[in-house]
Amino acid sequence: MKKNILTAVTICLITLTCTSLNFGQQQKLAQTGMKFLSLPLDARASGFGNAITADEAGVASIFYNPAGIARLDNFASVTLGRVSYIADINYNYAGIALAPFQGDYGVIGISFMNVDYGSLQGTVRANNDQGFVDVGNFSPSAFAFGIGYSKALSEKFAVGGDVRYVHQDLGTSAINTNANGGYITEDNKTNVLAFDFGIIYKTGFKSLDFGMDVRNFSREVRYKTESFQLPLVFKIGLAMNVFDLLDNVDRDMHSLLICVDASHPRDYSEQISFGGEYTFMKLISLRVGYVEPTDVEGINAGIGIKHSFSGYNFSFDYSFTQNKVFSSEHRFTLGFAL
């Protein structure tokens, strides 16, 4: 068993390290596509700066580090949420984690997200006073559907991965005119498979956990003649309940989770995320987080409530992300488990 664990750890470390070095050498600043995959979704995670790589966050980990669902406490856990993003763009998402046979054979995760960009006006250039002709409205859209698997290989070590089908539709565009004066149109759609891999390691020192994650690994995607890569990102993180360092604190009453993440994205500079979550009586949580450096994002803050009733667990989370350029972002997440 120890040999298998050591082999798995070695493979994960080699894979994550080589992937990080590879896209670090081929970095294309601000030239990735399908950027909707980069937006943080979960309200709890966003509340403390998305520094969640090393945190076993249950079903929400499907959207961050799939290894985080390996020790699911319930048979089934569900999360539903919405993100009110800039420019009236809305994200909706759902995730479910299933642990049959008490999780002895691992945990299965299923995720879905879609993006509503609203309706946009389509135009073509023309020799008139306006300089264009209106050709009607179009509605871009995007979605991703994924399925993953995670397992705790020992009391300390957990691994996970998932594959997602990613689709983006930029609408229909007029490219020419026909003999009758009408427009010749074409669809602008593309899809790709994306892969995520992650590990979480319990160090054995109090509640200190270490995590690593690679997200959005895929082949290049092409729209007509232009190709681009997905927003690949490599992250490492630490998480710990710092009250474990104190002897006179009732840990059933108080918890203070501190998380730090370092991320190496394909298309912009490295970032450090800091976050904290104070929980009282395992009932209500207050969160705050910050990301540095960033030109757009400001302070992150949030609140969460958990409650158990007749064997069912319910939760509600809200987060606020300050945006220095556009309107601020709001996230809402509902969760339940049995």
C-alpha atoms as a PDB file:
ATOM      1  CA  MET A   1       0.000   0.000   0.000  1.00  0.00           C
ATOM      2  CA  LYS A   2       2.797   2.405   0.900  1.00  0.00           C
ATOM      3  CA  LYS A   3       4.520   1.625  -2.391  1.00  0.00           C
ATOM      4  CA  ASN A   4       1.349   2.438  -4.340  1.00  0.00           C
ATOM      5  CA  ILE A   5       0.914   5.705  -2.489  1.00  0.00           C
ATOM      6  CA  LEU A   6       4.531   6.691  -3.115  1.00  0.00           C
ATOM      7  CA  THR A   7       4.138   5.882  -6.809  1.00  0.00           C
ATOM      8  CA  ALA A   8       0.957   7.954  -7.056  1.00  0.00           C
ATOM      9  CA  VAL A   9       2.590  10.900  -5.299  1.00  0.00           C
ATOM     10  CA  THR A  10       5.618  10.730  -7.591  1.00  0.00           C
ATOM     11  CA  ILE A  11       3.477  10.610 -10.735  1.00  0.00           C
ATOM     12  CA  CYS A  12       1.369  13.576  -9.600  1.00  0.00           C
ATOM     13  CA  LEU A  13       4.418  15.648  -8.692  1.00  0.00           C
ATOM     14  CA  ILE A  14       6.138  14.931 -12.004  1.00  0.00           C
ATOM     15  CA  THR A  15       2.971  15.642 -14.002  1.00  0.00           C
ATOM     16  CA  LEU A  16       2.184  18.901 -12.213  1.00  0.00           C
ATOM     17  CA  THR A  17       5.776  20.131 -12.298  1.00  0.00           C
ATOM     18  CA  CYS A  18       6.307  19.341 -15.984  1.00  0.00           C
ATOM     19  CA  THR A  19       2.991  20.926 -16.900  1.00  0.00           C
ATOM     20  CA  SER A  20       3.882  24.075 -14.986  1.00  0.00           C
ATOM     21  CA  LEU A  21       7.289  24.334 -16.622  1.00  0.00           C
ATOM     22  CA  ASN A  22       5.877  23.627 -20.074  1.00  0.00           C
ATOM     23  CA  PHE A  23       3.271  26.361 -20.190  1.00  0.00           C
ATOM     24  CA  GLY A  24       5.557  28.711 -18.291  1.00  0.00           C
ATOM     25  CA  GLN A  25       8.027  28.510 -21.203  1.00  0.00           C
ATOM     26  CA  GLN A  26       5.296  28.977 -23.831  1.00  0.00           C
ATOM     27  CA  GLN A  27       3.420  31.716 -22.078  1.00  0.00           C
ATOM     28  CA  LYS A  28       1.168  33.890 -24.228  1.00  0.00           C
ATOM     29  CA  LEU A  29       0.108  36.898 -22.215  1.00  0.00           C
ATOM     30  CA  ALA A  30      -3.604  37.678 -22.536  1.00  0.00           C
ATOM     31  CA  GLN A  31      -4.041  35.323 -25.494  1.00  0.00           C
ATOM     32  CA  THR A  32      -6.056  32.445 -24.102  1.00  0.00           C
ATOM     33  CA  GLY A  33      -9.665  31.836 -25.028  1.00  0.00           C
ATOM     34  CA  MET A  34     -12.785  30.547 -23.288  1.00  0.00           C
ATOM     35  CA  LYS A  35     -11.943  32.807 -20.375  1.00  0.00           C
ATOM     36  CA  PHE A  36     -15.282  32.011 -18.766  1.00  0.00           C
ATOM     37  CA  LEU A  37     -13.538  28.920 -17.372  1.00  0.00           C
ATOM     38  CA  SER A  38     -11.379  31.170 -15.183  1.00  0.00           C
ATOM     39  CA  LEU A  39     -14.183  32.834 -13.269  1.00  0.00           C
ATOM     40  CA  PRO A  40     -14.501  31.646  -9.643  1.00  0.00           C
ATOM     41  CA  LEU A  41     -17.968  30.261  -8.996  1.00  0.00           C
ATOM     42  CA  ASP A  42     -18.515  29.123  -5.405  1.00  0.00           C
ATOM     43  CA  ALA A  43     -19.601  31.859  -2.993  1.00  0.00           C
ATOM     44  CA  ARG A  44     -17.776  30.358  -0.020  1.00  0.00           C
ATOM     45  CA  ALA A  45     -14.470  30.085  -1.873  1.00  0.00           C
ATOM     46  CA  SER A  46     -14.792  33.574  -3.343  1.00  0.00           C
ATOM     47  CA  GLY A  47     -15.429  34.985   0.108  1.00  0.00           C
ATOM     48  CA  PHE A  48     -11.854  34.253   1.135  1.00  0.00           C
ATOM     49  CA  GLY A  49     -10.106  35.055  -2.116  1.00  0.00           C
ATOM     50  CA  ASN A  50     -10.487  31.617  -3.767  1.00  0.00           C
ATOM     51  CA  ALA A  51      -7.500  30.358  -1.764  1.00  0.00           C
ATOM     52  CA  ILE A  52      -9.114  26.921  -1.648  1.00  0.00           C
ATOM     53  CA  THR A  53      -6.590  24.590  -3.295  1.00  0.00           C
ATOM     54  CA  ALA A  54      -5.644  22.865  -0.028  1.00  0.00           C
ATOM     55  CA  ASP A  55      -9.076  22.996   1.611  1.00  0.00           C
ATOM     56  CA  GLU A  56     -11.307  19.933   1.553  1.00  0.00           C
ATOM     57  CA  ALA A  57     -14.345  21.955   0.607  1.00  0.00           C
ATOM     58  CA  GLY A  58     -16.660  19.095  -0.266  1.00  0.00           C
ATOM     59  CA  VAL A  59     -18.717  19.268  -3.440  1.00  0.00           C
ATOM     60  CA  ALA A  60     -17.521  22.821  -4.217  1.00  0.00           C
ATOM     61  CA  SER A  61     -14.028  21.411  -4.756  1.00  0.00           C
ATOM     62  CA  ILE A  62     -15.228  20.047  -8.100  1.00  0.00           C
ATOM     63  CA  PHE A  63     -14.738  23.575  -9.442  1.00  0.00           C
ATOM     64  CA  TYR A  64     -11.316  24.069  -7.826  1.00  0.00           C
ATOM     65  CA  ASN A  65      -9.344  20.974  -6.799  1.00  0.00           C
ATOM     66  CA  PRO A  66     -11.122  17.658  -7.471  1.00  0.00           C
ATOM     67  CA  ALA A  67      -9.098  15.945  -4.738  1.00  0.00           C
ATOM     68  CA  GLY A  68     -11.133  17.969  -2.220  1.00  0.00           C
ATOM     69  CA  ILE A  69     -14.175  15.707  -2.536  1.00  0.00           C
ATOM     70  CA  ALA A  70     -12.257  12.510  -1.638  1.00  0.00           C
ATOM     71  CA  ARG A  71     -13.352  12.493   2.013  1.00  0.00           C
ATOM     72  CA  LEU A  72     -16.997  13.354   1.506  1.00  0.00           C
ATOM     73  CA  ASP A  73     -18.905  12.878   4.763  1.00  0.00           C
ATOM     74  CA  ASN A  74     -22.289  12.259   3.131  1.00  0.00           C
ATOM     75  CA  PHE A  75     -23.642   9.848   0.563  1.00  0.00           C
ATOM     76  CA  ALA A  76     -24.642  12.736  -1.689  1.00  0.00           C
ATOM     77  CA  SER A  77     -23.840  16.428  -1.619  1.00  0.00           C
ATOM     78  CA  VAL A  78     -25.289  19.033  -3.980  1.00  0.00           C
ATOM     79  CA  THR A  79     -24.425  22.652  -4.673  1.00  0.00           C
ATOM     80  CA  LEU A  80     -26.335  25.177  -6.773  1.00  0.00           C
ATOM     81  CA  GLY A  81     -25.245  28.720  -7.430  1.00  0.00           C
ATOM     82  CA  ARG A  82     -25.347  31.901  -9.429  1.00  0.00           C
ATOM     83  CA  VAL A  83     -22.792  34.611 -10.144  1.00  0.00           C
ATOM     84  CA  SER A  84     -23.927  38.123 -11.055  1.00  0.00           C
ATOM     85  CA  TYR A  85     -20.917  39.202 -13.086  1.00  0.00           C
ATOM     86  CA  ILE A  86     -20.024  42.436 -14.863  1.00  0.00           C
ATOM     87  CA  ALA A  87     -21.971  43.825 -17.847  1.00  0.00           C
ATOM     88  CA  ASP A  88     -25.112  41.871 -16.875  1.00  0.00           C
ATOM     89  CA  ILE A  89     -23.361  38.554 -17.559  1.00  0.00           C
ATOM     90  CA  ASN A  90     -24.678  35.745 -15.371  1.00  0.00           C
ATOM     91  CA  TYR A  91     -23.207  32.363 -14.518  1.00  0.00           C
ATOM     92  CA  ASN A  92     -25.285  29.443 -13.274  1.00  0.00           C
ATOM     93  CA  TYR A  93     -23.738  26.250 -11.998  1.00  0.00           C
ATOM     94  CA  ALA A  94     -24.462  22.996 -10.223  1.00  0.00           C
ATOM     95  CA  GLY A  95     -22.380  20.194  -8.771  1.00  0.00           C
ATOM     96  CA  ILE A  96     -23.071  16.848  -7.171  1.00  0.00           C
ATOM     97  CA  ALA A  97     -20.714  14.502  -5.355  1.00  0.00           C
ATOM     98  CA  LEU A  98     -21.650  10.886  -4.692  1.00  0.00           C
ATOM     99  CA  ALA A  99     -19.869   8.558  -2.268  1.00  0.00           C
ATOM    100  CA  PRO A 100     -21.371   5.062  -2.650  1.00  0.00           C
ATOM    101  CA  PHE A 101     -20.343   2.322  -0.208  1.00  0.00           C
ATOM    102  CA  GLN A 102     -19.267   4.982   2.331  1.00  0.00           C
ATOM    103  CA  GLY A 103     -16.675   6.200  -0.157  1.00  0.00           C
ATOM    104  CA  ASP A 104     -14.607   3.003   0.085  1.00  0.00           C
ATOM    105  CA  TYR A 105     -14.242   2.975  -3.698  1.00  0.00           C
ATOM    106  CA  GLY A 106     -13.847   6.680  -4.154  1.00  0.00           C
ATOM    107  CA  VAL A 107     -16.135   9.623  -4.811  1.00  0.00           C
ATOM    108  CA  ILE A 108     -17.751  10.592  -8.110  1.00  0.00           C
ATOM    109  CA  GLY A 109     -18.247  14.248  -8.978  1.00  0.00           C
ATOM    110  CA  ILE A 110     -20.488  15.757 -11.654  1.00  0.00           C
ATOM    111  CA  SER A 111     -20.456  19.448 -12.544  1.00  0.00           C
ATOM    112  CA  PHE A 112     -22.251  21.799 -14.899  1.00  0.00           C
ATOM    113  CA  MET A 113     -21.987  25.499 -15.604  1.00  0.00           C
ATOM    114  CA  ASN A 114     -23.399  27.823 -18.235  1.00  0.00           C
ATOM    115  CA  VAL A 115     -22.920  31.470 -19.111  1.00  0.00           C
ATOM    116  CA  ASP A 116     -25.687  33.868 -20.115  1.00  0.00           C
ATOM    117  CA  TYR A 117     -24.163  36.806 -21.989  1.00  0.00           C
ATOM    118  CA  GLY A 118     -27.516  38.340 -22.827  1.00  0.00           C
ATOM    119  CA  SER A 119     -28.468  39.676 -26.248  1.00  0.00           C
ATOM    120  CA  LEU A 120     -26.098  41.685 -28.441  1.00  0.00           C
ATOM    121  CA  GLN A 121     -26.721  43.728 -31.571  1.00  0.00           C
ATOM    122  CA  GLY A 122     -25.242  42.334 -34.785  1.00  0.00           C
ATOM    123  CA  THR A 123     -23.972  44.759 -37.429  1.00  0.00           C
ATOM    124  CA  VAL A 124     -21.963  44.837 -40.652  1.00  0.00           C
ATOM    125  CA  ARG A 125     -20.053  47.779 -42.075  1.00  0.00           C
ATOM    126  CA  ALA A 126     -21.864  49.867 -44.672  1.00  0.00           C
ATOM    127  CA  ASN A 127     -21.423  53.080 -46.661  1.00  0.00           C
ATOM    128  CA  ASN A 128     -24.155  55.046 -44.940  1.00  0.00           C
ATOM    129  CA  ASP A 129     -24.365  57.830 -42.388  1.00  0.00           C
ATOM    130  CA  GLN A 130     -24.148  55.366 -39.490  1.00  0.00           C
ATOM    131  CA  GLY A 131     -21.342  53.360 -41.015  1.00  0.00           C
ATOM    132  CA  PHE A 132     -23.118  50.061 -40.356  1.00  0.00           C
ATOM    133  CA  VAL A 133     -26.303  48.103 -40.976  1.00  0.00           C
ATOM    134  CA  ASP A 134     -28.186  46.291 -38.224  1.00  0.00           C
ATOM    135  CA  VAL A 135     -28.522  42.576 -39.000  1.00  0.00           C
ATOM    136  CA  GLY A 136     -30.430  41.572 -35.874  1.00  0.00           C
ATOM    137  CA  ASN A 137     -29.571  40.430 -32.383  1.00  0.00           C
ATOM    138  CA  PHE A 138     -27.571  37.397 -31.384  1.00  0.00           C
ATOM    139  CA  SER A 139     -26.977  35.672 -28.054  1.00  0.00           C
ATOM    140  CA  PRO A 140     -23.540  34.189 -27.309  1.00  0.00           C
ATOM    141  CA  SER A 141     -23.447  31.332 -24.829  1.00  0.00           C
ATOM    142  CA  ALA A 142     -21.077  28.854 -23.240  1.00  0.00           C
ATOM    143  CA  PHE A 143     -21.290  25.822 -21.017  1.00  0.00           C
ATOM    144  CA  ALA A 144     -19.139  23.094 -19.507  1.00  0.00           C
ATOM    145  CA  PHE A 145     -20.156  19.638 -18.303  1.00  0.00           C
ATOM    146  CA  GLY A 146     -17.751  17.493 -16.323  1.00  0.00           C
ATOM    147  CA  ILE A 147     -17.405  14.192 -14.538  1.00  0.00           C
ATOM    148  CA  GLY A 148     -14.607  13.318 -12.151  1.00  0.00           C
ATOM    149  CA  TYR A 149     -13.317  10.854  -9.620  1.00  0.00           C
ATOM    150  CA  SER A 150     -11.451  11.292  -6.371  1.00  0.00           C
ATOM    151  CA  LYS A 151     -10.109   8.910  -3.742  1.00  0.00           C
ATOM    152  CA  ALA A 152      -8.268   9.102  -0.463  1.00  0.00           C
ATOM    153  CA  LEU A 153      -5.374   6.676  -0.901  1.00  0.00           C
ATOM    154  CA  SER A 154      -4.487   6.934   2.772  1.00  0.00           C
ATOM    155  CA  GLU A 155      -5.350   8.990   5.825  1.00  0.00           C
ATOM    156  CA  LYS A 156      -2.998  11.682   4.560  1.00  0.00           C
ATOM    157  CA  PHE A 157      -3.096  11.580   0.786  1.00  0.00           C
ATOM    158  CA  ALA A 158      -5.956  12.145  -1.689  1.00  0.00           C
ATOM    159  CA  VAL A 159      -5.973  12.457  -5.465  1.00  0.00           C
ATOM    160  CA  GLY A 160      -8.627  13.525  -7.937  1.00  0.00           C
ATOM    161  CA  GLY A 161      -9.260  14.406 -11.550  1.00  0.00           C
ATOM    162  CA  ASP A 162     -12.036  15.210 -13.952  1.00  0.00           C
ATOM    163  CA  VAL A 163     -12.746  15.680 -17.626  1.00  0.00           C
ATOM    164  CA  ARG A 164     -15.059  18.381 -18.938  1.00  0.00           C
ATOM    165  CA  TYR A 165     -16.764  18.931 -22.255  1.00  0.00           C
ATOM    166  CA  VAL A 166     -16.488  22.675 -22.932  1.00  0.00           C
ATOM    167  CA  HIS A 167     -18.616  24.385 -25.563  1.00  0.00           C
ATOM    168  CA  GLN A 168     -18.718  28.001 -26.690  1.00  0.00           C
ATOM    169  CA  ASP A 169     -21.079  29.618 -29.184  1.00  0.00           C
ATOM    170  CA  LEU A 170     -20.281  33.174 -30.252  1.00  0.00           C
ATOM    171  CA  GLY A 171     -23.426  33.418 -32.352  1.00  0.00           C
ATOM    172  CA  THR A 172     -24.043  33.762 -36.078  1.00  0.00           C
ATOM    173  CA  SER A 173     -22.173  36.349 -38.142  1.00  0.00           C
ATOM    174  CA  ALA A 174     -22.834  37.824 -41.580  1.00  0.00           C
ATOM    175  CA  ILE A 175     -19.763  37.291 -43.765  1.00  0.00           C
ATOM    176  CA  ASN A 176     -20.985  38.282 -47.251  1.00  0.00           C
ATOM    177  CA  THR A 177     -24.001  39.074 -49.403  1.00  0.00           C
ATOM    178  CA  ASN A 178     -25.706  36.810 -51.913  1.00  0.00           C
ATOM    179  CA  ALA A 179     -27.124  37.611 -55.347  1.00  0.00           C
ATOM    180  CA  ASN A 180     -30.461  38.641 -53.849  1.00  0.00           C
ATOM    181  CA  GLY A 181     -28.886  41.143 -51.506  1.00  0.00           C
ATOM    182  CA  GLY A 182     -29.314  38.940 -48.460  1.00  0.00           C
ATOM    183  CA  TYR A 183     -26.570  38.004 -46.054  1.00  0.00           C
ATOM    184  CA  ILE A 184     -24.536  34.825 -46.067  1.00  0.00           C
ATOM    185  CA  THR A 185     -24.044  33.770 -42.470  1.00  0.00           C
ATOM    186  CA  GLU A 186     -21.919  31.291 -40.571  1.00  0.00           C
ATOM    187  CA  ASP A 187     -22.000  29.881 -37.065  1.00  0.00           C
ATOM    188  CA  ASN A 188     -19.140  30.491 -34.664  1.00  0.00           C
ATOM    189  CA  LYS A 189     -19.045  27.451 -32.401  1.00  0.00           C
ATOM    190  CA  THR A 190     -16.301  25.293 -31.005  1.00  0.00           C
ATOM    191  CA  ASN A 191     -15.790  22.711 -28.272  1.00  0.00           C
ATOM    192  CA  VAL A 192     -12.968  20.895 -26.540  1.00  0.00           C
ATOM    193  CA  LEU A 193     -12.237  18.425 -23.742  1.00  0.00           C
ATOM    194  CA  ALA A 194     -10.494  19.931 -20.708  1.00  0.00           C
ATOM    195  CA  PHE A 195      -8.818  18.014 -17.888  1.00  0.00           C
ATOM    196  CA  ASP A 196      -8.164  18.844 -14.236  1.00  0.00           C
ATOM    197  CA  PHE A 197      -5.839  17.062 -11.805  1.00  0.00           C
ATOM    198  CA  GLY A 198      -5.243  17.649  -8.119  1.00  0.00           C
ATOM    199  CA  ILE A 199      -3.861  16.302  -4.856  1.00  0.00           C
ATOM    200  CA  ILE A 200      -4.284  17.134  -1.180  1.00  0.00           C
ATOM    201  CA  TYR A 201      -1.756  16.010   1.412  1.00  0.00           C
ATOM    202  CA  LYS A 202      -2.282  16.173   5.178  1.00  0.00           C
ATOM    203  CA  THR A 203       1.108  17.035   6.596  1.00  0.00           C
ATOM    204  CA  GLY A 204       0.465  15.594  10.051  1.00  0.00           C
ATOM    205  CA  PHE A 205       1.252  18.899  11.735  1.00  0.00           C
ATOM    206  CA  LYS A 206      -2.022  19.873  13.419  1.00  0.00           C
ATOM    207  CA  SER A 207      -4.577  20.535  10.641  1.00  0.00           C
ATOM    208  CA  LEU A 208      -2.060  21.844   8.103  1.00  0.00           C
ATOM    209  CA  ASP A 209      -2.921  20.622   4.592  1.00  0.00           C
ATOM    210  CA  PHE A 210      -1.032  21.051   1.333  1.00  0.00           C
ATOM    211  CA  GLY A 211      -2.664  21.013  -2.098  1.00  0.00           C
ATOM    212  CA  MET A 212      -1.732  21.195  -5.772  1.00  0.00           C
ATOM    213  CA  ASP A 213      -3.977  21.533  -8.801  1.00  0.00           C
ATOM    214  CA  VAL A 214      -3.798  21.896 -12.591  1.00  0.00           C
ATOM    215  CA  ARG A 215      -6.944  23.086 -14.359  1.00  0.00           C
ATOM    216  CA  ASN A 216      -8.022  23.521 -17.979  1.00  0.00           C
ATOM    217  CA  PHE A 217      -5.401  21.286 -19.562  1.00  0.00           C
ATOM    218  CA  SER A 218      -6.373  20.679 -23.217  1.00  0.00           C
ATOM    219  CA  ARG A 219      -5.337  20.817 -26.835  1.00  0.00           C
ATOM    220  CA  GLU A 220      -5.407  24.093 -28.766  1.00  0.00           C
ATOM    221  CA  VAL A 221      -8.813  25.319 -29.914  1.00  0.00           C
ATOM    222  CA  ARG A 222      -9.482  26.966 -33.258  1.00  0.00           C
ATOM    223  CA  TYR A 223     -12.013  29.501 -34.478  1.00  0.00           C
ATOM    224  CA  LYS A 224     -11.702  29.596 -38.274  1.00  0.00           C
ATOM    225  CA  THR A 225      -8.022  30.470 -38.842  1.00  0.00           C
ATOM    226  CA  GLU A 226      -7.051  31.592 -35.350  1.00  0.00           C
ATOM    227  CA  SER A 227      -6.098  29.085 -32.656  1.00  0.00           C
ATOM    228  CA  PHE A 228      -5.767  29.620 -28.941  1.00  0.00           C
ATOM    229  CA  GLN A 229      -5.272  27.725 -25.703  1.00  0.00           C
ATOM    230  CA  LEU A 230      -7.507  27.405 -22.679  1.00  0.00           C
ATOM    231  CA  PRO A 231      -6.680  29.383 -19.496  1.00  0.00           C
ATOM    232  CA  LEU A 232      -4.439  26.700 -18.011  1.00  0.00           C
ATOM    233  CA  VAL A 233      -3.477  27.384 -14.403  1.00  0.00           C
ATOM    234  CA  PHE A 234      -1.222  25.623 -11.901  1.00  0.00           C
ATOM    235  CA  LYS A 235      -1.840  26.219  -8.182  1.00  0.00           C
ATOM    236  CA  ILE A 236      -0.315  25.207  -4.890  1.00  0.00           C
ATOM    237  CA  GLY A 237      -1.788  26.051  -1.517  1.00  0.00           C
ATOM    238  CA  LEU A 238      -1.761  25.651   2.250  1.00  0.00           C
ATOM    239  CA  ALA A 239      -4.717  25.576   4.636  1.00  0.00           C
ATOM    240  CA  MET A 240      -4.934  25.324   8.404  1.00  0.00           C
ATOM    241  CA  ASN A 241      -7.254  25.974  11.320  1.00  0.00           C
ATOM    242  CA  VAL A 242      -4.880  28.217  13.263  1.00  0.00           C
ATOM    243  CA  PHE A 243      -6.830  27.724  16.488  1.00  0.00           C
ATOM    244  CA  ASP A 244      -5.216  24.276  16.572  1.00  0.00           C
ATOM    245  CA  LEU A 245      -2.097  26.089  17.749  1.00  0.00           C
ATOM    246  CA  LEU A 246      -3.895  27.307  20.876  1.00  0.00           C
ATOM    247  CA  ASP A 247      -4.698  25.107  23.856  1.00  0.00           C
ATOM    248  CA  ASN A 248      -7.420  27.218  25.452  1.00  0.00           C
ATOM    249  CA  VAL A 249      -9.821  27.417  22.486  1.00  0.00           C
ATOM    250  CA  ASP A 250     -12.944  25.280  22.235  1.00  0.00           C
ATOM    251  CA  ARG A 251     -12.654  23.991  18.663  1.00  0.00           C
ATOM    252  CA  ASP A 252     -16.303  22.942  18.623  1.00  0.00           C
ATOM    253  CA  MET A 253     -17.219  26.570  19.190  1.00  0.00           C
ATOM    254  CA  HIS A 254     -14.563  28.412  17.208  1.00  0.00           C
ATOM    255  CA  SER A 255     -12.616  27.802  14.017  1.00  0.00           C
ATOM    256  CA  LEU A 256     -10.311  30.102  12.067  1.00  0.00           C
ATOM    257  CA  LEU A 257      -9.295  28.684   8.703  1.00  0.00           C
ATOM    258  CA  ILE A 258      -6.365  30.469   7.074  1.00  0.00           C
ATOM    259  CA  CYS A 259      -5.543  29.672   3.447  1.00  0.00           C
ATOM    260  CA  VAL A 260      -2.789  30.793   1.082  1.00  0.00           C
ATOM    261  CA  ASP A 261      -2.612  29.958  -2.625  1.00  0.00           C
ATOM    262  CA  ALA A 262       0.051  30.668  -5.222  1.00  0.00           C
ATOM    263  CA  SER A 263      -1.118  30.448  -8.829  1.00  0.00           C
ATOM    264  CA  HIS A 264       0.786  30.343 -12.112  1.00  0.00           C
ATOM    265  CA  PRO A 265      -1.668  31.097 -14.949  1.00  0.00           C
ATOM    266  CA  ARG A 266      -0.865  30.733 -18.621  1.00  0.00           C
ATOM    267  CA  ASP A 267      -1.977  34.205 -19.631  1.00  0.00           C
ATOM    268  CA  TYR A 268      -1.090  36.645 -16.851  1.00  0.00           C
ATOM    269  CA  SER A 269       1.322  37.173 -13.996  1.00  0.00           C
ATOM    270  CA  GLU A 270       1.626  34.923 -10.956  1.00  0.00           C
ATOM    271  CA  GLN A 271      -0.675  35.739  -8.061  1.00  0.00           C
ATOM    272  CA  ILE A 272      -0.885  35.096  -4.330  1.00  0.00           C
ATOM    273  CA  SER A 273      -4.305  34.684  -2.710  1.00  0.00           C
ATOM    274  CA  PHE A 274      -4.871  35.101   1.025  1.00  0.00           C
ATOM    275  CA  GLY A 275      -8.057  34.173   2.828  1.00  0.00           C
ATOM    276  CA  GLY A 276      -9.576  33.644   6.231  1.00  0.00           C
ATOM    277  CA  GLU A 277     -12.817  32.086   7.460  1.00  0.00           C
ATOM    278  CA  TYR A 278     -14.016  32.375  11.043  1.00  0.00           C
ATOM    279  CA  THR A 279     -16.757  29.914  12.003  1.00  0.00           C
ATOM    280  CA  PHE A 280     -18.810  30.079  15.200  1.00  0.00           C
ATOM    281  CA  MET A 281     -20.468  26.913  16.537  1.00  0.00           C
ATOM    282  CA  LYS A 282     -20.158  25.295  13.101  1.00  0.00           C
ATOM    283  CA  LEU A 283     -23.159  27.427  12.231  1.00  0.00           C
ATOM    284  CA  ILE A 284     -22.183  30.817  10.857  1.00  0.00           C
ATOM    285  CA  SER A 285     -19.021  31.831   9.017  1.00  0.00           C
ATOM    286  CA  LEU A 286     -17.472  35.198   8.193  1.00  0.00           C
ATOM    287  CA  ARG A 287     -14.905  35.399   5.408  1.00  0.00           C
ATOM    288  CA  VAL A 288     -12.422  37.815   3.912  1.00  0.00           C
ATOM    289  CA  GLY A 289      -9.776  37.456   1.228  1.00  0.00           C
ATOM    290  CA  TYR A 290      -7.439  39.322  -1.068  1.00  0.00           C
ATOM    291  CA  VAL A 291      -5.543  38.610  -4.282  1.00  0.00           C
ATOM    292  CA  GLU A 292      -2.244  40.253  -5.217  1.00  0.00           C
ATOM    293  CA  PRO A 293      -1.233  41.526  -7.738  1.00  0.00           C
ATOM    294  CA  THR A 294      -4.375  42.453  -9.652  1.00  0.00           C
ATOM    295  CA  ASP A 295      -5.539  45.502 -11.570  1.00  0.00           C
ATOM    296  CA  VAL A 296      -9.235  44.720 -11.294  1.00  0.00           C
ATOM    297  CA  GLU A 297     -10.124  42.735  -8.201  1.00  0.00           C
ATOM    298  CA  GLY A 298     -10.307  44.362  -4.789  1.00  0.00           C
ATOM    299  CA  ILE A 299     -11.374  42.989  -1.429  1.00  0.00           C
ATOM    300  CA  ASN A 300     -13.382  39.769  -1.162  1.00  0.00           C
ATOM    301  CA  ALA A 301     -15.833  39.162   1.671  1.00  0.00           C
ATOM    302  CA  GLY A 302     -18.634  36.780   2.453  1.00  0.00           C
ATOM    303  CA  ILE A 303     -20.912  35.087   4.931  1.00  0.00           C
ATOM    304  CA  GLY A 304     -22.238  31.557   5.242  1.00  0.00           C
ATOM    305  CA  ILE A 305     -24.814  29.666   7.297  1.00  0.00           C
ATOM    306  CA  LYS A 306     -25.036  25.912   7.902  1.00  0.00           C
ATOM    307  CA  HIS A 307     -27.766  23.916   9.582  1.00  0.00           C
ATOM    308  CA  SER A 308     -28.569  20.239  10.051  1.00  0.00           C
ATOM    309  CA  PHE A 309     -32.120  18.956  10.259  1.00  0.00           C
ATOM    310  CA  SER A 310     -33.370  15.336  10.400  1.00  0.00           C
ATOM    311  CA  GLY A 311     -30.185  13.980   8.879  1.00  0.00           C
ATOM    312  CA  TYR A 312     -29.995  16.595   6.125  1.00  0.00           C
ATOM    313  CA  ASN A 313     -27.403  19.367   5.944  1.00  0.00           C
ATOM    314  CA  PHE A 314     -28.292  22.720   4.456  1.00  0.00           C
ATOM    315  CA  SER A 315     -26.062  25.703   3.694  1.00  0.00           C
ATOM    316  CA  PHE A 316     -26.303  29.157   2.175  1.00  0.00           C
ATOM    317  CA  ASP A 317     -23.318  31.291   1.190  1.00  0.00           C
ATOM    318  CA  TYR A 318     -22.978  34.797  -0.167  1.00  0.00           C
ATOM    319  CA  SER A 319     -19.868  36.642  -1.293  1.00  0.00           C
ATOM    320  CA  PHE A 320     -18.995  40.084  -2.551  1.00  0.00           C
ATOM    321  CA  THR A 321     -16.011  40.850  -4.771  1.00  0.00           C
ATOM    322  CA  GLN A 322     -14.991  44.446  -5.267  1.00  0.00           C
ATOM    323  CA  ASN A 323     -14.242  45.332  -8.889  1.00  0.00           C
ATOM    324  CA  LYS A 324     -12.049  48.365  -9.408  1.00  0.00           C
ATOM    325  CA  VAL A 325     -13.181  48.941 -13.009  1.00  0.00           C
ATOM    326  CA  PHE A 326     -16.693  47.516 -13.426  1.00  0.00           C
ATOM    327  CA  SER A 327     -19.597  46.870 -11.090  1.00  0.00           C
ATOM    328  CA  SER A 328     -18.896  44.595  -8.151  1.00  0.00           C
ATOM    329  CA  GLU A 329     -19.594  40.866  -8.328  1.00  0.00           C
ATOM    330  CA  HIS A 330     -22.121  38.973  -6.214  1.00  0.00           C
ATOM    331  CA  ARG A 331     -22.276  35.212  -5.694  1.00  0.00           C
ATOM    332  CA  PHE A 332     -24.977  33.055  -4.137  1.00  0.00           C
ATOM    333  CA  THR A 333     -24.669  29.355  -3.367  1.00  0.00           C
ATOM    334  CA  LEU A 334     -27.138  26.853  -1.910  1.00  0.00           C
ATOM    335  CA  GLY A 335     -26.035  23.448  -0.707  1.00  0.00           C
ATOM    336  CA  PHE A 336     -27.617  20.369   0.792  1.00  0.00           C
ATOM    337  CA  ALA A 337     -26.396  16.895   1.659  1.00  0.00           C
ATOM    338  CA  LEU A 338     -27.770  13.605   2.911  1.00  0.00           C
END
